[in-house]
Protein backbone atom coordinates (compact mmCIF):
# COMPACT_ATOMS: atom_id res chain seq x y z
CA MET A 1 0.00 0.00 0.00
CA LYS A 2 1.38 3.36 -0.92
CA MET A 3 1.75 5.68 2.05
CA PHE A 4 2.04 9.43 1.75
CA LEU A 5 3.11 12.28 4.03
CA SER A 6 1.27 15.56 3.92
CA ALA A 7 3.56 18.34 5.14
CA LEU A 8 1.85 21.64 5.87
CA VAL A 9 4.29 24.51 5.53
CA THR A 10 3.19 28.16 5.47
CA GLY A 11 -0.29 27.11 4.48
CA SER A 12 0.75 24.84 1.57
CA ALA A 13 0.43 21.02 1.51
CA VAL A 14 3.02 18.89 -0.28
CA LEU A 15 2.81 15.09 -0.82
CA PHE A 16 5.79 12.83 -0.62
CA SER A 17 5.99 9.12 -1.41
CA HIS A 18 7.67 7.13 1.35
CA CYS A 19 9.75 5.29 -1.21
CA ALA A 20 11.29 8.31 -2.91
CA THR A 21 12.80 11.64 -2.03
CA ALA A 22 10.91 14.88 -2.64
CA GLN A 23 10.37 15.52 -6.32
CA PHE A 24 10.19 19.03 -7.82
CA THR A 25 10.07 19.81 -11.53
CA ASN A 26 12.72 22.29 -12.67
CA VAL A 27 12.96 23.68 -9.13
CA ASP A 28 16.63 24.53 -9.45
CA SER A 29 15.93 26.67 -12.48
CA VAL A 30 13.56 28.92 -10.54
CA ASP A 31 15.30 32.07 -9.32
CA ASN A 32 13.27 32.46 -6.15
CA ARG A 33 15.13 32.47 -2.84
CA ASP A 34 11.96 32.19 -0.76
CA PHE A 35 10.87 29.13 -2.68
CA GLN A 36 14.33 27.54 -2.37
CA ALA A 37 14.30 28.16 1.38
CA TRP A 38 10.84 26.65 1.63
CA LYS A 39 11.98 23.60 -0.32
CA ALA A 40 14.99 23.10 1.97
CA GLN A 41 12.79 23.39 5.05
CA VAL A 42 10.37 20.74 3.79
CA GLU A 43 13.16 18.33 2.81
CA GLN A 44 14.80 18.71 6.21
CA MET A 45 11.49 18.04 7.96
CA LEU A 46 11.04 14.91 5.87
CA ARG A 47 14.48 13.58 6.81
CA GLU A 48 13.99 14.24 10.52
CA HIS A 49 10.42 13.06 10.94
CA GLU A 50 9.64 10.48 8.27
CA ALA A 51 10.39 7.50 10.48
CA ARG A 52 8.20 8.85 13.28
CA LEU A 53 5.30 10.13 11.18
CA LEU A 54 4.98 7.33 8.66
CA ASP A 55 3.49 3.98 9.56
CA LEU A 56 5.27 2.12 6.84
CA GLU A 57 4.53 -1.46 5.87
CA PRO A 58 7.62 -3.62 5.30
CA VAL A 59 8.33 -4.35 1.66
CA GLN A 60 8.22 -8.11 1.16
CA THR A 61 10.46 -9.49 -1.54
CA ALA A 62 11.29 -13.07 -2.40
CA GLN A 63 14.78 -14.04 -1.27
CA ALA A 64 14.81 -17.68 -2.29
CA SER A 65 18.08 -19.09 -3.60
CA PRO A 66 19.73 -22.52 -3.74
CA SER A 67 21.69 -21.71 -0.59
CA ARG A 68 18.81 -20.09 1.25
CA PRO A 69 18.25 -21.71 4.66
CA VAL A 70 14.88 -23.35 5.02
CA SER A 71 13.51 -21.16 7.77
CA ASN A 72 10.80 -18.57 8.27
CA PRO A 73 11.89 -15.90 10.72
CA GLY A 74 8.74 -13.88 10.09
CA SER A 75 5.15 -14.50 11.05
CA ILE A 76 2.55 -16.38 9.07
CA GLN A 77 -0.07 -14.43 7.17
CA TRP A 78 -3.29 -16.40 7.52
CA GLY A 79 -6.01 -16.84 4.94
CA TRP A 80 -9.33 -18.68 4.59
CA HIS A 81 -9.78 -21.05 1.67
CA GLY A 82 -13.40 -21.43 0.67
CA GLY A 83 -14.88 -17.97 0.24
CA ARG A 84 -18.13 -19.26 -1.21
CA GLU A 85 -21.62 -20.08 -0.03
CA ASN A 86 -21.60 -23.52 1.58
CA ASN A 87 -23.55 -25.44 4.23
CA GLY A 88 -26.19 -22.75 3.97
CA VAL A 89 -23.69 -20.13 5.15
CA GLY A 90 -23.69 -17.04 2.94
CA PHE A 91 -20.80 -14.89 1.86
CA ASP A 92 -21.30 -12.24 4.52
CA GLU A 93 -21.17 -14.60 7.48
CA ARG A 94 -18.26 -16.52 6.03
CA LEU A 95 -16.12 -13.44 5.44
CA ARG A 96 -16.88 -12.00 8.87
CA ALA A 97 -15.94 -15.34 10.45
CA ALA A 98 -12.64 -15.32 8.56
CA ALA A 99 -11.81 -11.82 9.79
CA GLU A 100 -12.78 -12.73 13.37
CA LEU A 101 -10.58 -15.82 13.16
CA GLY A 102 -7.57 -13.60 12.53
CA CYS A 103 -7.24 -14.14 8.78
CA THR A 104 -6.00 -11.32 6.57
CA TRP A 105 -6.67 -13.14 3.27
CA ILE A 106 -9.69 -14.76 1.67
CA ARG A 107 -9.54 -17.10 -1.33
CA PHE A 108 -12.47 -17.15 -3.75
CA THR A 109 -12.56 -20.00 -6.27
CA GLY A 110 -14.78 -20.63 -9.26
CA PRO A 111 -14.95 -21.03 -13.05
CA LEU A 112 -14.30 -18.13 -15.37
CA SER A 113 -18.06 -17.98 -15.88
CA PHE A 114 -18.45 -16.55 -12.36
CA ILE A 115 -19.39 -13.29 -14.07
CA ILE A 116 -21.38 -14.80 -16.92
CA GLU A 117 -24.95 -15.99 -16.70
CA ARG A 118 -27.07 -17.02 -19.70
CA GLY A 119 -24.63 -15.30 -21.98
CA GLU A 120 -24.69 -12.02 -20.06
CA ARG A 121 -22.14 -10.67 -17.63
CA ASN A 122 -23.28 -11.07 -14.06
CA TRP A 123 -20.96 -8.89 -11.99
CA GLN A 124 -23.25 -8.99 -8.98
CA PHE A 125 -22.02 -12.49 -8.12
CA LEU A 126 -18.74 -11.05 -6.85
CA ASP A 127 -19.55 -7.39 -6.28
CA ARG A 128 -20.88 -7.78 -2.75
CA PRO A 129 -18.33 -10.34 -1.45
CA LEU A 130 -15.35 -8.36 -2.74
CA ALA A 131 -16.72 -5.10 -1.39
CA LEU A 132 -17.24 -6.71 2.02
CA ALA A 133 -13.75 -8.25 1.95
CA GLU A 134 -12.30 -4.80 1.40
CA GLU A 135 -14.47 -3.38 4.19
CA LEU A 136 -13.19 -6.08 6.57
CA GLY A 137 -9.56 -5.55 5.59
CA LEU A 138 -9.27 -8.95 3.90
CA ASN A 139 -6.86 -9.23 0.98
CA VAL A 140 -8.41 -11.15 -1.90
CA PHE A 141 -6.85 -14.14 -3.66
CA LEU A 142 -9.11 -14.92 -6.63
CA THR A 143 -8.84 -18.24 -8.44
CA VAL A 144 -10.13 -18.33 -12.02
CA ARG A 145 -10.89 -21.78 -13.39
CA LEU A 146 -12.24 -22.92 -16.74
CA GLY A 147 -15.31 -25.13 -16.74
CA ARG A 148 -14.83 -28.54 -18.34
CA ASN A 149 -16.73 -27.48 -21.46
CA GLN A 150 -15.20 -24.03 -21.85
CA SER A 151 -12.71 -23.14 -24.55
CA THR A 152 -9.05 -23.18 -23.53
CA THR A 153 -8.72 -19.68 -24.95
CA LEU A 154 -8.93 -17.12 -22.17
CA ASP A 155 -11.44 -14.34 -22.77
CA THR A 156 -8.88 -11.59 -22.21
CA SER A 157 -11.38 -8.83 -23.00
CA LEU A 158 -13.65 -10.03 -20.21
CA LEU A 159 -10.68 -10.53 -17.87
CA ARG A 160 -9.50 -6.95 -18.47
CA LYS A 161 -12.91 -5.67 -17.45
CA ALA A 162 -12.87 -7.91 -14.36
CA VAL A 163 -9.39 -6.71 -13.35
CA SER A 164 -10.48 -3.10 -13.79
CA ARG A 165 -13.71 -3.64 -11.85
CA TYR A 166 -12.05 -5.60 -9.04
CA ALA A 167 -8.94 -3.52 -8.51
CA SER A 168 -8.85 -4.60 -4.86
CA VAL A 169 -7.89 -8.18 -5.82
CA GLU A 170 -4.27 -8.65 -4.74
CA VAL A 171 -3.60 -12.02 -6.40
CA TRP A 172 -5.20 -13.63 -9.47
CA GLN A 173 -4.67 -17.37 -9.80
CA PHE A 174 -5.29 -19.24 -13.03
CA GLY A 175 -6.39 -22.83 -12.58
CA ASN A 176 -6.22 -25.16 -9.59
CA GLU A 177 -4.65 -28.60 -9.15
CA ILE A 178 -4.22 -28.96 -12.90
CA SER A 179 -2.27 -32.22 -12.57
CA ASN A 180 -5.68 -33.77 -11.88
CA ASP A 181 -7.47 -34.16 -15.21
CA ARG A 182 -10.81 -33.63 -13.47
CA PHE A 183 -9.77 -30.01 -13.05
CA TRP A 184 -7.74 -29.59 -16.25
CA PRO A 185 -8.76 -32.08 -18.98
CA ARG A 186 -6.45 -30.37 -21.46
CA SER A 187 -2.76 -30.37 -22.38
CA LYS A 188 0.11 -28.87 -20.41
CA ARG A 189 0.83 -26.47 -23.25
CA ASP A 190 -2.80 -25.33 -23.14
CA TYR A 191 -2.34 -24.49 -19.47
CA VAL A 192 0.86 -22.49 -19.98
CA ASP A 193 -0.86 -20.51 -22.74
CA PHE A 194 -3.85 -19.94 -20.44
CA LEU A 195 -1.63 -18.77 -17.57
CA ASN A 196 0.53 -16.51 -19.73
CA ALA A 197 -2.53 -14.88 -21.29
CA GLY A 198 -3.82 -14.14 -17.81
CA TYR A 199 -0.45 -12.81 -16.68
CA ASN A 200 -0.27 -10.42 -19.60
CA VAL A 201 -3.61 -8.91 -18.57
CA VAL A 202 -3.19 -8.84 -14.78
CA SER A 203 0.46 -7.85 -14.32
CA PRO A 204 1.70 -5.44 -13.06
CA SER A 205 -1.47 -4.17 -11.37
CA ALA A 206 -1.68 -7.36 -9.28
CA ARG A 207 0.29 -10.55 -8.70
CA VAL A 208 -0.34 -13.83 -10.50
CA ALA A 209 -0.24 -17.30 -8.93
CA MET A 210 0.27 -20.53 -10.81
CA ALA A 211 -2.45 -23.13 -10.41
CA GLY A 212 -2.29 -24.70 -6.96
CA ALA A 213 -0.39 -27.98 -6.79
CA PRO A 214 -2.00 -30.87 -4.89
CA SER A 215 1.38 -31.36 -3.19
CA MET A 216 4.18 -33.10 -5.04
CA SER A 217 2.55 -36.52 -4.63
CA PHE A 218 0.33 -38.46 -7.06
CA GLY A 219 2.49 -37.60 -10.07
CA ALA A 220 2.29 -33.85 -9.51
CA GLU A 221 6.07 -33.42 -9.22
CA ALA A 222 6.73 -34.68 -12.75
CA PHE A 223 3.70 -32.76 -14.06
CA TYR A 224 4.82 -29.41 -12.66
CA ASP A 225 8.39 -30.12 -13.73
CA ASP A 226 7.11 -30.24 -17.32
CA ILE A 227 4.97 -27.12 -16.85
CA LEU A 228 7.88 -25.11 -15.42
CA SER A 229 10.13 -26.20 -18.29
CA MET A 230 7.80 -24.34 -20.71
CA GLY A 231 8.58 -20.94 -19.19
CA PRO A 232 5.25 -19.92 -17.63
CA ARG A 233 4.94 -16.40 -16.21
CA PHE A 234 3.83 -16.09 -12.59
CA ASP A 235 4.74 -14.46 -9.28
CA ILE A 236 3.64 -17.03 -6.65
CA PHE A 237 3.76 -20.83 -6.48
CA ASP A 238 0.85 -22.33 -4.55
CA ASP A 239 1.44 -25.75 -2.97
CA HIS A 240 -1.27 -27.48 -0.95
CA LEU A 241 0.56 -28.63 2.15
CA PRO A 242 1.19 -31.28 3.28
CA PRO A 243 0.85 -34.32 0.99
CA ASN A 244 -2.60 -35.81 1.52
CA ARG A 245 -3.11 -38.08 4.54
CA THR A 246 0.35 -37.36 5.93
CA GLY A 247 1.52 -35.81 9.16
CA PRO A 248 3.43 -32.64 10.06
CA GLU A 249 6.74 -34.40 9.49
CA ALA A 250 6.06 -34.38 5.73
CA VAL A 251 5.84 -30.57 5.45
CA ALA A 252 9.57 -29.78 5.29
CA GLY A 253 10.26 -32.38 2.61
CA GLU A 254 7.35 -31.15 0.53
CA VAL A 255 8.54 -27.54 0.58
CA ALA A 256 12.08 -28.66 -0.27
CA LYS A 257 10.77 -30.50 -3.37
CA VAL A 258 8.91 -27.42 -4.54
CA ARG A 259 11.93 -25.16 -4.01
CA ALA A 260 14.15 -27.60 -5.91
CA LEU A 261 11.77 -27.56 -8.88
CA LEU A 262 11.53 -23.77 -8.91
CA ASN A 263 15.29 -23.35 -8.70
CA LYS A 264 15.85 -25.93 -11.43
CA HIS A 265 13.86 -23.86 -13.90
CA GLY A 266 15.12 -20.42 -12.91
CA TYR A 267 12.35 -19.32 -10.53
CA LYS A 268 14.66 -18.80 -7.56
CA ASP A 269 12.90 -15.64 -6.38
CA VAL A 270 9.34 -16.95 -6.57
CA PRO A 271 7.78 -17.37 -3.10
CA ILE A 272 5.83 -20.45 -2.02
CA TRP A 273 2.35 -20.09 -0.51
CA SER A 274 -0.18 -22.70 0.57
CA THR A 275 -3.83 -21.82 -0.09
CA GLU A 276 -5.18 -25.23 0.95
CA PHE A 277 -3.42 -26.16 4.18
CA LEU A 278 -3.91 -29.37 6.18
CA PRO A 279 -4.54 -32.84 4.75
CA LEU A 280 -7.95 -34.15 3.83
CA GLY A 281 -9.16 -37.45 5.21
CA PRO A 282 -10.17 -38.71 8.66
CA ALA A 283 -8.99 -36.63 11.59
CA SER A 284 -7.09 -38.43 14.30
CA GLY A 285 -6.49 -37.34 17.85
CA ASN A 286 -7.09 -33.85 19.13
CA VAL A 287 -7.72 -31.47 16.22
CA ALA A 288 -6.26 -28.44 17.99
CA SER A 289 -3.14 -30.37 18.98
CA ASN A 290 -2.67 -31.63 15.42
CA PHE A 291 -3.19 -28.15 14.02
CA ARG A 292 -0.54 -26.77 16.35
CA LYS A 293 1.94 -29.40 15.12
CA TYR A 294 1.26 -28.56 11.47
CA VAL A 295 1.66 -24.85 12.17
CA GLU A 296 4.98 -25.35 13.91
CA ALA A 297 6.15 -27.50 10.99
CA VAL A 298 5.28 -24.90 8.36
CA LYS A 299 6.88 -22.10 10.39
CA ARG A 300 10.20 -23.91 10.01
CA THR A 301 9.96 -23.55 6.22
CA GLU A 302 10.04 -20.55 3.89
CA VAL A 303 6.23 -20.55 3.46
CA THR A 304 4.72 -17.33 4.85
CA HIS A 305 1.11 -17.36 3.57
CA VAL A 306 -1.13 -20.18 4.77
CA PHE A 307 -4.87 -20.59 4.11
CA VAL A 308 -6.90 -22.88 6.38
CA ARG A 309 -9.60 -25.11 4.94
CA GLY A 310 -12.61 -23.20 6.24
CA ASP A 311 -15.13 -25.32 4.34
CA GLU A 312 -13.63 -28.79 4.02
CA ARG A 313 -13.84 -31.67 6.48
CA PRO A 314 -12.41 -32.63 8.85
CA TRP A 315 -11.18 -29.06 9.35
CA GLN A 316 -14.33 -27.09 8.47
CA LEU A 317 -15.04 -24.23 10.84
CA LEU A 318 -18.67 -23.42 10.04
CA SER A 319 -21.24 -26.20 10.02
CA GLY A 320 -24.25 -24.01 9.27
CA PRO A 321 -25.66 -20.50 9.64
CA GLY A 322 -24.53 -19.13 13.02
CA GLN A 323 -22.85 -22.46 13.85
CA LYS A 324 -19.12 -22.40 14.44
CA THR A 325 -17.60 -25.84 14.92
CA SER A 326 -15.88 -26.82 18.16
CA THR A 327 -12.48 -26.13 16.62
CA TYR A 328 -13.21 -22.55 15.56
CA ASN A 329 -12.23 -20.91 18.87
CA GLU A 330 -9.26 -23.24 19.23
CA TYR A 331 -8.05 -22.19 15.79
CA LYS A 332 -8.61 -18.54 16.68
CA SER A 333 -6.35 -18.85 19.70
CA LEU A 334 -3.67 -20.78 17.82
CA ILE A 335 -3.66 -18.43 14.83
CA GLY A 336 -3.35 -15.45 17.14
CA SER A 337 -0.37 -16.98 18.91
CA SER A 338 1.39 -17.98 15.67
CA ARG A 339 1.74 -14.47 14.24
């Protein structure tokens, strides 16, 4: 977020970007001693008081490299996967529950036709949820999928209008778990073309995530190896940690496999996120205790953005309208303590 300082000097307001020094056009060519003195006064004030007056957000940049230690000295940014109506729970209640839980991200998923209905554009489907997400301070991670019967050619004209309309979306993701032919019954080259077309529209106004990987198991490692060899354009790699039906001990190895693949193909600075965290399948033991173990495991890796499965069993947090599951408050406490 861009932050600005408004300095009031002799009745005049001047704006400065926190990431650059004061900018004046042809100031030095103006033969005006009063103006030059005023300029010097403002610049001095900026130098002396910028740190105190500006509440700057840290700039996050990817630092991954082959020699980078596998550790996460920072805190986890939490998100909620499943920003859709489910179990009779509408968008409003779901988003408010995510914010109350301590999440700062929400992931919406759906086919590209989320704004098309009977051949007409239906913006209302996302207008209200995205407006509420912004009101609640939730960053939006929007996954765009093609329906099974849709053309592989991305409607870039429609996407441009969506990007313009939904300027608050921080990350656009194209596809999800494409190594599973139920979600991508097309070729690998078709996917890279689909992703690159999306990247060309979205960047640089927002970041682009590659389709989420269902961990590096079930043939996904070889699949994504081939995809990465084709030179796709993206800013974030999304890996669904940990491999299905495995324990916390599998997290570190999974992240190491992903990093090795990224480095192999020249994506050393691309960060790894996990928008579907925790394994599916029967829960065993105390859910809160297990969750704590998974959290501690992921904190020892380079992954910094983690999205809990708000809608999927056995980890679902809302069982119906006004009905938080028994693990909701336990999660709230654990997420708060893991920041």
